[in-house]
Amino acid sequence: MKPTDLSIYLTEFLTHHLAAQRNLSPNTIKAYRDVFTLLLRFCRDQRGIPLERLTLAQIDAPLMEAFLDYLGTDRHCAISTRNQRLAVMHSFFRYLQSEVPDQLLQCQRILAIPLRRHSRSDVGYLSKEYLAEILAQPDLHAPAGRRDAVLLSVLYDTGARVQELIDINVGDVRLDAPAQVRLMGKGRKLRTVPLMDATVKILREYLLENGLQNIDHFDQPLFKNRQGERFSRSGIRYLLQTYTRAVRAVHPGFTQKVSPHVLRHTKGMHLLQSGVSLEIIRDFLGHVDVKTTQIYARTNLEMKRRAIEKIAGDAPIPHMPSWKQNKTLLEWLHSL
């Protein structure tokens, strides 16, 4: 059977355009692929269209609207998730505009579908007290515990995304002053972040203990699981959840959600509260735009507002004199 135009352009988009031209990471391309998997299943299961006959002409704006509604009603996706799915579709049809000019109108109608408005939740981050308790949980008498202690310290200290932490090789770490680590961020963009003295100390001990200080090991992962391979995302999450549960056992009131990304948010908030500018935090965390970093400023401002309201309590509002009683001021205003 002759391949459809959709199969041709979708394959080209995923395998060449995203990887070669836009230089997106493999994980980002997989996320794009998963969105198209949902769309294809929707067309097959909900619309009864055989996938081998599905063409570009059939994926129009009404079908896309129906797909977004399906994500919300049947799959119970949040508005933010639906917006992410729609952004992927926008990217594909923006690519198609120059590849299939005769379907330009169809592409632009889909591009005109707006993202849904939704309220943004506050950034979840840990207090310094709970962060310290989580970092203190690994058993330093066992090799795996010492590895975990170093891993969690590096995860917080660098503000790395979980995939950035997984991808760190021994050669990406420099412990001589100025101590720093090199991270491969989104879009395969490299950035270098500094390390605190306490992290440098335990990292140096970790490298010596595991014989990783020689140049022969520079291409090896900095952190390995019990199978001697790189950690997976789920492996890092499981490790962090294990130590979080230990803290919850001691502090039943500690119900906050904790994930590797929460440690990244925690670093960003602690930097802001220490007086570091948003521009520096943007570069430290590897944000493309400072607008992304402003979520920390908004959360910090909201936190301060709540603190002021708590302090004020039910304090009576002091009586303020009326400006109308000031005749000199009234005469000046009338003279303007």
C-alpha atoms as a PDB file:
ATOM      1  CA  MET A   1       0.000   0.000   0.000  1.00  0.00           C
ATOM      2  CA  LYS A   2       1.259   3.462  -0.888  1.00  0.00           C
ATOM      3  CA  PRO A   3       2.200   5.521   2.205  1.00  0.00           C
ATOM      4  CA  THR A   4      -0.053   8.465   3.020  1.00  0.00           C
ATOM      5  CA  ASP A   5       1.147  12.062   2.988  1.00  0.00           C
ATOM      6  CA  LEU A   6       0.640  12.196   6.773  1.00  0.00           C
ATOM      7  CA  SER A   7       2.988   9.259   7.370  1.00  0.00           C
ATOM      8  CA  ILE A   8       5.644  10.817   5.130  1.00  0.00           C
ATOM      9  CA  TYR A   9       5.612  14.294   6.686  1.00  0.00           C
ATOM     10  CA  LEU A  10       5.180  13.061  10.252  1.00  0.00           C
ATOM     11  CA  THR A  11       8.196  10.755   9.894  1.00  0.00           C
ATOM     12  CA  GLU A  12      10.247  13.587   8.390  1.00  0.00           C
ATOM     13  CA  PHE A  13       9.158  15.941  11.188  1.00  0.00           C
ATOM     14  CA  LEU A  14      10.102  13.564  14.012  1.00  0.00           C
ATOM     15  CA  THR A  15      13.288  12.077  12.594  1.00  0.00           C
ATOM     16  CA  HIS A  16      14.841  14.985  10.716  1.00  0.00           C
ATOM     17  CA  HIS A  17      13.257  18.353  11.514  1.00  0.00           C
ATOM     18  CA  LEU A  18      13.237  18.037  15.312  1.00  0.00           C
ATOM     19  CA  ALA A  19      16.547  16.194  15.632  1.00  0.00           C
ATOM     20  CA  ALA A  20      18.712  17.717  12.892  1.00  0.00           C
ATOM     21  CA  GLN A  21      17.286  21.195  12.376  1.00  0.00           C
ATOM     22  CA  ARG A  22      15.973  22.114  15.809  1.00  0.00           C
ATOM     23  CA  ASN A  23      18.539  19.996  17.681  1.00  0.00           C
ATOM     24  CA  LEU A  24      16.021  18.835  20.288  1.00  0.00           C
ATOM     25  CA  SER A  25      17.004  16.200  22.819  1.00  0.00           C
ATOM     26  CA  PRO A  26      15.894  12.570  22.401  1.00  0.00           C
ATOM     27  CA  ASN A  27      13.580  12.891  25.406  1.00  0.00           C
ATOM     28  CA  THR A  28      11.843  15.918  23.905  1.00  0.00           C
ATOM     29  CA  ILE A  29      11.381  14.100  20.604  1.00  0.00           C
ATOM     30  CA  LYS A  30       9.884  11.147  22.503  1.00  0.00           C
ATOM     31  CA  ALA A  31       7.434  13.537  24.170  1.00  0.00           C
ATOM     32  CA  TYR A  32       6.410  14.839  20.717  1.00  0.00           C
ATOM     33  CA  ARG A  33       6.031  11.264  19.504  1.00  0.00           C
ATOM     34  CA  ASP A  34       3.764  10.379  22.435  1.00  0.00           C
ATOM     35  CA  VAL A  35       1.418  13.265  21.587  1.00  0.00           C
ATOM     36  CA  PHE A  36       1.055  12.028  18.007  1.00  0.00           C
ATOM     37  CA  THR A  37       0.449   8.520  19.335  1.00  0.00           C
ATOM     38  CA  LEU A  38      -2.529   9.880  21.275  1.00  0.00           C
ATOM     39  CA  LEU A  39      -3.815  11.689  18.187  1.00  0.00           C
ATOM     40  CA  LEU A  40      -3.525   8.594  15.985  1.00  0.00           C
ATOM     41  CA  ARG A  41      -5.326   6.447  18.562  1.00  0.00           C
ATOM     42  CA  PHE A  42      -8.066   9.061  18.805  1.00  0.00           C
ATOM     43  CA  CYS A  43      -8.542   9.014  15.022  1.00  0.00           C
ATOM     44  CA  ARG A  44      -8.643   5.213  14.995  1.00  0.00           C
ATOM     45  CA  ASP A  45     -10.716   4.505  18.098  1.00  0.00           C
ATOM     46  CA  GLN A  46     -12.992   7.551  18.297  1.00  0.00           C
ATOM     47  CA  ARG A  47     -13.382   8.450  14.621  1.00  0.00           C
ATOM     48  CA  GLY A  48     -13.043   4.973  13.119  1.00  0.00           C
ATOM     49  CA  ILE A  49     -10.371   6.026  10.600  1.00  0.00           C
ATOM     50  CA  PRO A  50      -7.880   3.263   9.691  1.00  0.00           C
ATOM     51  CA  LEU A  51      -4.397   4.629  10.317  1.00  0.00           C
ATOM     52  CA  GLU A  52      -3.107   3.395   6.959  1.00  0.00           C
ATOM     53  CA  ARG A  53      -5.705   5.682   5.295  1.00  0.00           C
ATOM     54  CA  LEU A  54      -5.359   8.713   7.519  1.00  0.00           C
ATOM     55  CA  THR A  55      -4.245  11.761   5.504  1.00  0.00           C
ATOM     56  CA  LEU A  56      -3.297  15.333   6.261  1.00  0.00           C
ATOM     57  CA  ALA A  57      -6.563  16.622   4.806  1.00  0.00           C
ATOM     58  CA  GLN A  58      -8.518  14.759   7.489  1.00  0.00           C
ATOM     59  CA  ILE A  59      -6.669  16.450  10.353  1.00  0.00           C
ATOM     60  CA  ASP A  60      -8.415  19.804  10.262  1.00  0.00           C
ATOM     61  CA  ALA A  61      -9.353  22.357  12.941  1.00  0.00           C
ATOM     62  CA  PRO A  62     -12.667  20.673  13.947  1.00  0.00           C
ATOM     63  CA  LEU A  63     -10.882  17.332  14.437  1.00  0.00           C
ATOM     64  CA  MET A  64      -8.183  19.032  16.489  1.00  0.00           C
ATOM     65  CA  GLU A  65     -10.817  20.703  18.694  1.00  0.00           C
ATOM     66  CA  ALA A  66     -12.508  17.337  19.173  1.00  0.00           C
ATOM     67  CA  PHE A  67      -9.154  15.770  20.088  1.00  0.00           C
ATOM     68  CA  LEU A  68      -8.535  18.432  22.760  1.00  0.00           C
ATOM     69  CA  ASP A  69     -12.040  17.892  24.165  1.00  0.00           C
ATOM     70  CA  TYR A  70     -11.372  14.145  24.237  1.00  0.00           C
ATOM     71  CA  LEU A  71      -8.194  14.730  26.242  1.00  0.00           C
ATOM     72  CA  GLY A  72     -10.159  16.701  28.807  1.00  0.00           C
ATOM     73  CA  THR A  73     -13.325  14.586  29.091  1.00  0.00           C
ATOM     74  CA  ASP A  74     -12.124  11.034  28.453  1.00  0.00           C
ATOM     75  CA  ARG A  75      -8.498  11.157  29.602  1.00  0.00           C
ATOM     76  CA  HIS A  76      -9.091  13.819  32.301  1.00  0.00           C
ATOM     77  CA  CYS A  77      -6.042  15.854  31.269  1.00  0.00           C
ATOM     78  CA  ALA A  78      -5.539  19.191  32.993  1.00  0.00           C
ATOM     79  CA  ILE A  79      -5.661  22.399  30.973  1.00  0.00           C
ATOM     80  CA  SER A  80      -1.876  22.742  31.188  1.00  0.00           C
ATOM     81  CA  THR A  81      -1.482  19.235  29.734  1.00  0.00           C
ATOM     82  CA  ARG A  82      -3.893  19.990  26.904  1.00  0.00           C
ATOM     83  CA  ASN A  83      -1.993  23.180  26.162  1.00  0.00           C
ATOM     84  CA  GLN A  84       1.217  21.178  25.932  1.00  0.00           C
ATOM     85  CA  ARG A  85      -0.411  18.760  23.481  1.00  0.00           C
ATOM     86  CA  LEU A  86      -1.730  21.662  21.398  1.00  0.00           C
ATOM     87  CA  ALA A  87       1.706  23.312  21.374  1.00  0.00           C
ATOM     88  CA  VAL A  88       3.136  20.128  19.819  1.00  0.00           C
ATOM     89  CA  MET A  89       0.459  20.228  17.115  1.00  0.00           C
ATOM     90  CA  HIS A  90       1.171  23.896  16.489  1.00  0.00           C
ATOM     91  CA  SER A  91       4.832  23.029  15.985  1.00  0.00           C
ATOM     92  CA  PHE A  92       3.972  20.320  13.438  1.00  0.00           C
ATOM     93  CA  PHE A  93       1.571  22.454  11.408  1.00  0.00           C
ATOM     94  CA  ARG A  94       3.953  25.398  11.502  1.00  0.00           C
ATOM     95  CA  TYR A  95       6.475  23.056   9.887  1.00  0.00           C
ATOM     96  CA  LEU A  96       3.897  21.904   7.327  1.00  0.00           C
ATOM     97  CA  GLN A  97       3.179  25.442   6.119  1.00  0.00           C
ATOM     98  CA  SER A  98       6.369  25.543   4.079  1.00  0.00           C
ATOM     99  CA  GLU A  99       6.320  21.855   3.165  1.00  0.00           C
ATOM    100  CA  VAL A 100       2.724  21.682   1.864  1.00  0.00           C
ATOM    101  CA  PRO A 101       1.763  25.162   0.621  1.00  0.00           C
ATOM    102  CA  ASP A 102      -1.540  23.972  -0.870  1.00  0.00           C
ATOM    103  CA  GLN A 103      -2.743  23.203   2.680  1.00  0.00           C
ATOM    104  CA  LEU A 104      -1.620  26.533   4.100  1.00  0.00           C
ATOM    105  CA  LEU A 105      -5.168  27.596   5.048  1.00  0.00           C
ATOM    106  CA  GLN A 106      -5.787  24.349   6.932  1.00  0.00           C
ATOM    107  CA  CYS A 107      -2.500  24.764   8.815  1.00  0.00           C
ATOM    108  CA  GLN A 108      -3.276  28.347   9.781  1.00  0.00           C
ATOM    109  CA  ARG A 109      -6.747  27.418  11.052  1.00  0.00           C
ATOM    110  CA  ILE A 110      -5.152  24.899  13.397  1.00  0.00           C
ATOM    111  CA  LEU A 111      -2.488  27.401  14.415  1.00  0.00           C
ATOM    112  CA  ALA A 112      -5.305  29.828  15.264  1.00  0.00           C
ATOM    113  CA  ILE A 113      -6.651  27.473  17.957  1.00  0.00           C
ATOM    114  CA  PRO A 114      -5.677  29.299  21.152  1.00  0.00           C
ATOM    115  CA  LEU A 115      -4.144  27.843  24.286  1.00  0.00           C
ATOM    116  CA  ARG A 116      -6.638  27.607  27.146  1.00  0.00           C
ATOM    117  CA  ARG A 117      -6.299  30.070  29.980  1.00  0.00           C
ATOM    118  CA  HIS A 118      -5.722  28.575  33.397  1.00  0.00           C
ATOM    119  CA  SER A 119      -4.590  29.716  36.814  1.00  0.00           C
ATOM    120  CA  ARG A 120      -0.949  29.067  37.557  1.00  0.00           C
ATOM    121  CA  SER A 121      -0.198  27.324  40.823  1.00  0.00           C
ATOM    122  CA  ASP A 122       2.574  28.488  43.112  1.00  0.00           C
ATOM    123  CA  VAL A 123       6.008  26.974  42.663  1.00  0.00           C
ATOM    124  CA  GLY A 124       6.440  24.013  44.998  1.00  0.00           C
ATOM    125  CA  TYR A 125       9.686  24.211  46.947  1.00  0.00           C
ATOM    126  CA  LEU A 126      11.103  22.940  50.221  1.00  0.00           C
ATOM    127  CA  SER A 127      12.027  24.905  53.286  1.00  0.00           C
ATOM    128  CA  LYS A 128      15.671  24.772  54.286  1.00  0.00           C
ATOM    129  CA  GLU A 129      14.761  22.663  57.332  1.00  0.00           C
ATOM    130  CA  TYR A 130      12.982  19.909  55.383  1.00  0.00           C
ATOM    131  CA  LEU A 131      15.593  20.015  52.629  1.00  0.00           C
ATOM    132  CA  ALA A 132      18.350  19.472  55.196  1.00  0.00           C
ATOM    133  CA  GLU A 133      16.461  16.527  56.723  1.00  0.00           C
ATOM    134  CA  ILE A 134      16.023  14.830  53.344  1.00  0.00           C
ATOM    135  CA  LEU A 135      19.695  15.306  52.473  1.00  0.00           C
ATOM    136  CA  ALA A 136      20.675  13.846  55.867  1.00  0.00           C
ATOM    137  CA  GLN A 137      18.698  10.597  55.394  1.00  0.00           C
ATOM    138  CA  PRO A 138      21.185   8.443  53.374  1.00  0.00           C
ATOM    139  CA  ASP A 139      23.226   5.998  55.454  1.00  0.00           C
ATOM    140  CA  LEU A 140      26.811   7.235  55.223  1.00  0.00           C
ATOM    141  CA  HIS A 141      28.124   3.927  56.558  1.00  0.00           C
ATOM    142  CA  ALA A 142      27.123   2.119  53.334  1.00  0.00           C
ATOM    143  CA  PRO A 143      28.573   2.776  49.837  1.00  0.00           C
ATOM    144  CA  ALA A 144      25.093   3.124  48.329  1.00  0.00           C
ATOM    145  CA  GLY A 145      24.128   5.595  51.044  1.00  0.00           C
ATOM    146  CA  ARG A 146      27.235   7.694  50.434  1.00  0.00           C
ATOM    147  CA  ARG A 147      26.466   7.687  46.706  1.00  0.00           C
ATOM    148  CA  ASP A 148      22.894   8.784  47.376  1.00  0.00           C
ATOM    149  CA  ALA A 149      24.029  11.581  49.670  1.00  0.00           C
ATOM    150  CA  VAL A 150      26.340  12.952  46.972  1.00  0.00           C
ATOM    151  CA  LEU A 151      23.689  12.501  44.264  1.00  0.00           C
ATOM    152  CA  LEU A 152      21.008  14.427  46.168  1.00  0.00           C
ATOM    153  CA  SER A 153      23.459  17.161  47.130  1.00  0.00           C
ATOM    154  CA  VAL A 154      24.516  17.636  43.500  1.00  0.00           C
ATOM    155  CA  LEU A 155      20.881  17.573  42.358  1.00  0.00           C
ATOM    156  CA  TYR A 156      20.013  20.442  44.706  1.00  0.00           C
ATOM    157  CA  ASP A 157      23.274  22.375  44.480  1.00  0.00           C
ATOM    158  CA  THR A 158      23.249  22.536  40.673  1.00  0.00           C
ATOM    159  CA  GLY A 159      19.494  23.007  40.256  1.00  0.00           C
ATOM    160  CA  ALA A 160      19.756  20.389  37.501  1.00  0.00           C
ATOM    161  CA  ARG A 161      16.838  18.810  35.711  1.00  0.00           C
ATOM    162  CA  VAL A 162      16.682  15.089  36.439  1.00  0.00           C
ATOM    163  CA  GLN A 163      17.878  14.185  32.924  1.00  0.00           C
ATOM    164  CA  GLU A 164      20.754  16.655  33.241  1.00  0.00           C
ATOM    165  CA  LEU A 165      21.846  14.903  36.434  1.00  0.00           C
ATOM    166  CA  ILE A 166      21.635  11.483  34.774  1.00  0.00           C
ATOM    167  CA  ASP A 167      23.755  12.667  31.830  1.00  0.00           C
ATOM    168  CA  ILE A 168      26.643  14.003  33.957  1.00  0.00           C
ATOM    169  CA  ASN A 169      29.918  12.225  33.220  1.00  0.00           C
ATOM    170  CA  VAL A 170      32.938  12.219  35.510  1.00  0.00           C
ATOM    171  CA  GLY A 171      34.738  14.528  33.079  1.00  0.00           C
ATOM    172  CA  ASP A 172      31.985  17.141  33.422  1.00  0.00           C
ATOM    173  CA  VAL A 173      33.004  17.783  37.033  1.00  0.00           C
ATOM    174  CA  ARG A 174      35.823  20.170  37.957  1.00  0.00           C
ATOM    175  CA  LEU A 175      36.754  20.320  41.627  1.00  0.00           C
ATOM    176  CA  ASP A 176      39.708  22.724  41.376  1.00  0.00           C
ATOM    177  CA  ALA A 177      38.815  26.358  42.058  1.00  0.00           C
ATOM    178  CA  PRO A 178      36.492  27.588  40.737  1.00  0.00           C
ATOM    179  CA  ALA A 179      34.641  24.285  41.264  1.00  0.00           C
ATOM    180  CA  GLN A 180      31.930  23.695  38.689  1.00  0.00           C
ATOM    181  CA  VAL A 181      29.948  21.102  36.780  1.00  0.00           C
ATOM    182  CA  ARG A 182      28.927  21.105  33.119  1.00  0.00           C
ATOM    183  CA  LEU A 183      25.295  20.278  32.317  1.00  0.00           C
ATOM    184  CA  MET A 184      23.659  19.399  29.011  1.00  0.00           C
ATOM    185  CA  GLY A 185      20.300  21.186  29.061  1.00  0.00           C
ATOM    186  CA  LYS A 186      17.277  21.381  26.798  1.00  0.00           C
ATOM    187  CA  GLY A 187      18.075  21.794  23.127  1.00  0.00           C
ATOM    188  CA  ARG A 188      21.475  20.250  23.882  1.00  0.00           C
ATOM    189  CA  LYS A 189      22.667  23.571  25.278  1.00  0.00           C
ATOM    190  CA  LEU A 190      25.662  23.363  27.588  1.00  0.00           C
ATOM    191  CA  ARG A 191      25.903  25.464  30.708  1.00  0.00           C
ATOM    192  CA  THR A 192      28.350  25.509  33.592  1.00  0.00           C
ATOM    193  CA  VAL A 193      27.184  25.986  37.182  1.00  0.00           C
ATOM    194  CA  PRO A 194      29.316  26.518  40.294  1.00  0.00           C
ATOM    195  CA  LEU A 195      29.482  24.117  43.230  1.00  0.00           C
ATOM    196  CA  MET A 196      29.405  24.987  46.921  1.00  0.00           C
ATOM    197  CA  ASP A 197      32.391  24.046  49.062  1.00  0.00           C
ATOM    198  CA  ALA A 198      30.442  21.390  51.006  1.00  0.00           C
ATOM    199  CA  THR A 199      29.408  19.689  47.755  1.00  0.00           C
ATOM    200  CA  VAL A 200      32.976  19.849  46.452  1.00  0.00           C
ATOM    201  CA  LYS A 201      34.231  18.114  49.597  1.00  0.00           C
ATOM    202  CA  ILE A 202      31.842  15.148  49.398  1.00  0.00           C
ATOM    203  CA  LEU A 203      32.245  14.907  45.610  1.00  0.00           C
ATOM    204  CA  ARG A 204      36.020  14.636  45.966  1.00  0.00           C
ATOM    205  CA  GLU A 205      35.640  11.877  48.563  1.00  0.00           C
ATOM    206  CA  TYR A 206      33.114  10.098  46.327  1.00  0.00           C
ATOM    207  CA  LEU A 207      35.441  10.156  43.303  1.00  0.00           C
ATOM    208  CA  LEU A 208      38.365   8.847  45.362  1.00  0.00           C
ATOM    209  CA  GLU A 209      36.296   6.083  46.945  1.00  0.00           C
ATOM    210  CA  ASN A 210      35.063   4.848  43.550  1.00  0.00           C
ATOM    211  CA  GLY A 211      38.391   5.314  41.736  1.00  0.00           C
ATOM    212  CA  LEU A 212      36.920   7.842  39.309  1.00  0.00           C
ATOM    213  CA  GLN A 213      39.559  10.545  39.625  1.00  0.00           C
ATOM    214  CA  ASN A 214      41.702   9.215  36.740  1.00  0.00           C
ATOM    215  CA  ILE A 215      41.266  10.537  33.220  1.00  0.00           C
ATOM    216  CA  ASP A 216      40.471   7.012  31.987  1.00  0.00           C
ATOM    217  CA  HIS A 217      37.062   7.243  33.697  1.00  0.00           C
ATOM    218  CA  PHE A 218      36.062  10.698  32.423  1.00  0.00           C
ATOM    219  CA  ASP A 219      33.532   9.255  29.943  1.00  0.00           C
ATOM    220  CA  GLN A 220      31.779   7.186  32.617  1.00  0.00           C
ATOM    221  CA  PRO A 221      28.548   8.267  34.350  1.00  0.00           C
ATOM    222  CA  LEU A 222      29.117  10.188  37.551  1.00  0.00           C
ATOM    223  CA  PHE A 223      26.346   8.194  39.256  1.00  0.00           C
ATOM    224  CA  LYS A 224      25.586   4.534  38.572  1.00  0.00           C
ATOM    225  CA  ASN A 225      22.767   2.334  39.844  1.00  0.00           C
ATOM    226  CA  ARG A 226      23.301  -1.093  41.427  1.00  0.00           C
ATOM    227  CA  GLN A 227      23.602  -2.635  37.944  1.00  0.00           C
ATOM    228  CA  GLY A 228      26.535  -0.339  37.184  1.00  0.00           C
ATOM    229  CA  GLU A 229      24.573   1.658  34.599  1.00  0.00           C
ATOM    230  CA  ARG A 230      23.223   5.176  34.425  1.00  0.00           C
ATOM    231  CA  PHE A 231      20.211   5.910  36.576  1.00  0.00           C
ATOM    232  CA  SER A 232      16.820   6.185  34.929  1.00  0.00           C
ATOM    233  CA  ARG A 233      14.400   8.991  35.702  1.00  0.00           C
ATOM    234  CA  SER A 234      12.210   6.608  37.664  1.00  0.00           C
ATOM    235  CA  GLY A 235      15.277   5.406  39.566  1.00  0.00           C
ATOM    236  CA  ILE A 236      16.110   8.931  40.732  1.00  0.00           C
ATOM    237  CA  ARG A 237      12.471   9.566  41.693  1.00  0.00           C
ATOM    238  CA  TYR A 238      12.300   6.297  43.642  1.00  0.00           C
ATOM    239  CA  LEU A 239      15.519   7.117  45.499  1.00  0.00           C
ATOM    240  CA  LEU A 240      14.246  10.577  46.471  1.00  0.00           C
ATOM    241  CA  GLN A 241      10.836   9.245  47.517  1.00  0.00           C
ATOM    242  CA  THR A 242      12.485   6.648  49.761  1.00  0.00           C
ATOM    243  CA  TYR A 243      14.260   9.325  51.787  1.00  0.00           C
ATOM    244  CA  THR A 244      11.221  11.613  51.726  1.00  0.00           C
ATOM    245  CA  ARG A 245       9.092   8.874  53.301  1.00  0.00           C
ATOM    246  CA  ALA A 246      11.653   8.576  56.103  1.00  0.00           C
ATOM    247  CA  VAL A 247      11.239  12.298  56.848  1.00  0.00           C
ATOM    248  CA  ARG A 248       7.437  12.008  56.752  1.00  0.00           C
ATOM    249  CA  ALA A 249       7.613   9.216  59.339  1.00  0.00           C
ATOM    250  CA  VAL A 250       9.242  11.666  61.761  1.00  0.00           C
ATOM    251  CA  HIS A 251       7.169  14.693  60.683  1.00  0.00           C
ATOM    252  CA  PRO A 252       3.584  13.571  59.898  1.00  0.00           C
ATOM    253  CA  GLY A 253       2.686  17.181  59.072  1.00  0.00           C
ATOM    254  CA  PHE A 254       5.128  17.165  56.171  1.00  0.00           C
ATOM    255  CA  THR A 255       2.748  16.302  53.320  1.00  0.00           C
ATOM    256  CA  GLN A 256       4.304  18.402  50.570  1.00  0.00           C
ATOM    257  CA  LYS A 257       4.898  16.730  47.219  1.00  0.00           C
ATOM    258  CA  VAL A 258       8.614  16.094  46.636  1.00  0.00           C
ATOM    259  CA  SER A 259      10.176  15.268  43.274  1.00  0.00           C
ATOM    260  CA  PRO A 260      13.537  15.919  41.595  1.00  0.00           C
ATOM    261  CA  HIS A 261      12.021  19.000  39.952  1.00  0.00           C
ATOM    262  CA  VAL A 262      10.916  20.300  43.366  1.00  0.00           C
ATOM    263  CA  LEU A 263      14.593  20.316  44.384  1.00  0.00           C
ATOM    264  CA  ARG A 264      15.297  22.391  41.261  1.00  0.00           C
ATOM    265  CA  HIS A 265      12.539  24.837  42.243  1.00  0.00           C
ATOM    266  CA  THR A 266      13.926  24.874  45.771  1.00  0.00           C
ATOM    267  CA  LYS A 267      17.343  25.959  44.511  1.00  0.00           C
ATOM    268  CA  GLY A 268      15.775  28.706  42.412  1.00  0.00           C
ATOM    269  CA  MET A 269      13.754  30.047  45.348  1.00  0.00           C
ATOM    270  CA  HIS A 270      16.709  29.915  47.729  1.00  0.00           C
ATOM    271  CA  LEU A 271      18.830  31.855  45.230  1.00  0.00           C
ATOM    272  CA  LEU A 272      16.120  34.509  44.894  1.00  0.00           C
ATOM    273  CA  GLN A 273      15.679  34.789  48.651  1.00  0.00           C
ATOM    274  CA  SER A 274      19.450  35.255  48.956  1.00  0.00           C
ATOM    275  CA  GLY A 275      19.259  38.335  46.743  1.00  0.00           C
ATOM    276  CA  VAL A 276      20.456  36.808  43.450  1.00  0.00           C
ATOM    277  CA  SER A 277      19.005  38.592  40.409  1.00  0.00           C
ATOM    278  CA  LEU A 278      16.513  36.889  38.088  1.00  0.00           C
ATOM    279  CA  GLU A 279      18.945  37.165  35.169  1.00  0.00           C
ATOM    280  CA  ILE A 280      21.604  35.186  37.034  1.00  0.00           C
ATOM    281  CA  ILE A 281      19.040  32.612  38.200  1.00  0.00           C
ATOM    282  CA  ARG A 282      17.866  32.283  34.588  1.00  0.00           C
ATOM    283  CA  ASP A 283      21.389  31.455  33.424  1.00  0.00           C
ATOM    284  CA  PHE A 284      22.007  29.199  36.431  1.00  0.00           C
ATOM    285  CA  LEU A 285      18.893  27.108  35.780  1.00  0.00           C
ATOM    286  CA  GLY A 286      19.246  27.176  31.999  1.00  0.00           C
ATOM    287  CA  HIS A 287      15.974  28.973  31.227  1.00  0.00           C
ATOM    288  CA  VAL A 288      15.668  30.303  27.694  1.00  0.00           C
ATOM    289  CA  ASP A 289      13.649  33.354  28.759  1.00  0.00           C
ATOM    290  CA  VAL A 290      13.672  35.308  32.002  1.00  0.00           C
ATOM    291  CA  LYS A 291       9.854  35.140  31.908  1.00  0.00           C
ATOM    292  CA  THR A 292      10.144  31.511  32.970  1.00  0.00           C
ATOM    293  CA  THR A 293      12.316  32.535  35.914  1.00  0.00           C
ATOM    294  CA  GLN A 294       9.774  35.135  37.034  1.00  0.00           C
ATOM    295  CA  ILE A 295       7.617  32.371  38.538  1.00  0.00           C
ATOM    296  CA  TYR A 296      10.006  32.420  41.500  1.00  0.00           C
ATOM    297  CA  ALA A 297       9.575  36.169  41.934  1.00  0.00           C
ATOM    298  CA  ARG A 298       5.771  35.858  41.827  1.00  0.00           C
ATOM    299  CA  THR A 299       5.800  33.035  44.373  1.00  0.00           C
ATOM    300  CA  ASN A 300       8.178  34.932  46.656  1.00  0.00           C
ATOM    301  CA  LEU A 301       5.992  38.058  46.455  1.00  0.00           C
ATOM    302  CA  GLU A 302       2.869  36.031  47.272  1.00  0.00           C
ATOM    303  CA  MET A 303       4.682  34.426  50.197  1.00  0.00           C
ATOM    304  CA  LYS A 304       5.639  37.851  51.573  1.00  0.00           C
ATOM    305  CA  ARG A 305       2.062  39.104  51.148  1.00  0.00           C
ATOM    306  CA  ARG A 306       0.680  36.175  53.142  1.00  0.00           C
ATOM    307  CA  ALA A 307       3.270  36.738  55.864  1.00  0.00           C
ATOM    308  CA  ILE A 308       2.295  40.405  56.153  1.00  0.00           C
ATOM    309  CA  GLU A 309      -1.407  39.500  56.348  1.00  0.00           C
ATOM    310  CA  LYS A 310      -0.638  36.938  59.054  1.00  0.00           C
ATOM    311  CA  ILE A 311       1.302  39.494  61.084  1.00  0.00           C
ATOM    312  CA  ALA A 312      -1.369  42.152  60.620  1.00  0.00           C
ATOM    313  CA  GLY A 313      -4.125  39.777  61.712  1.00  0.00           C
ATOM    314  CA  ASP A 314      -7.182  41.657  62.893  1.00  0.00           C
ATOM    315  CA  ALA A 315      -5.279  44.796  63.843  1.00  0.00           C
ATOM    316  CA  PRO A 316      -7.561  47.862  63.586  1.00  0.00           C
ATOM    317  CA  ILE A 317      -6.960  50.232  60.710  1.00  0.00           C
ATOM    318  CA  PRO A 318      -5.674  53.535  62.113  1.00  0.00           C
ATOM    319  CA  HIS A 319      -7.850  56.611  61.591  1.00  0.00           C
ATOM    320  CA  MET A 320      -6.489  58.701  58.723  1.00  0.00           C
ATOM    321  CA  PRO A 321      -7.190  62.430  58.607  1.00  0.00           C
ATOM    322  CA  SER A 322      -9.155  63.641  55.578  1.00  0.00           C
ATOM    323  CA  TRP A 323      -7.142  65.605  53.035  1.00  0.00           C
ATOM    324  CA  LYS A 324     -10.214  67.823  52.593  1.00  0.00           C
ATOM    325  CA  GLN A 325      -9.457  69.384  55.992  1.00  0.00           C
ATOM    326  CA  ASN A 326      -6.204  70.788  54.650  1.00  0.00           C
ATOM    327  CA  LYS A 327      -7.329  74.187  53.255  1.00  0.00           C
ATOM    328  CA  THR A 328      -3.879  75.096  51.969  1.00  0.00           C
ATOM    329  CA  LEU A 329      -3.703  71.891  49.977  1.00  0.00           C
ATOM    330  CA  LEU A 330      -7.220  72.478  48.584  1.00  0.00           C
ATOM    331  CA  GLU A 331      -6.298  75.973  47.425  1.00  0.00           C
ATOM    332  CA  TRP A 332      -3.194  74.631  45.683  1.00  0.00           C
ATOM    333  CA  LEU A 333      -5.191  71.877  43.939  1.00  0.00           C
ATOM    334  CA  HIS A 334      -7.782  74.375  42.701  1.00  0.00           C
ATOM    335  CA  SER A 335      -5.020  76.590  41.306  1.00  0.00           C
ATOM    336  CA  LEU A 336      -3.750  73.859  38.962  1.00  0.00           C
END
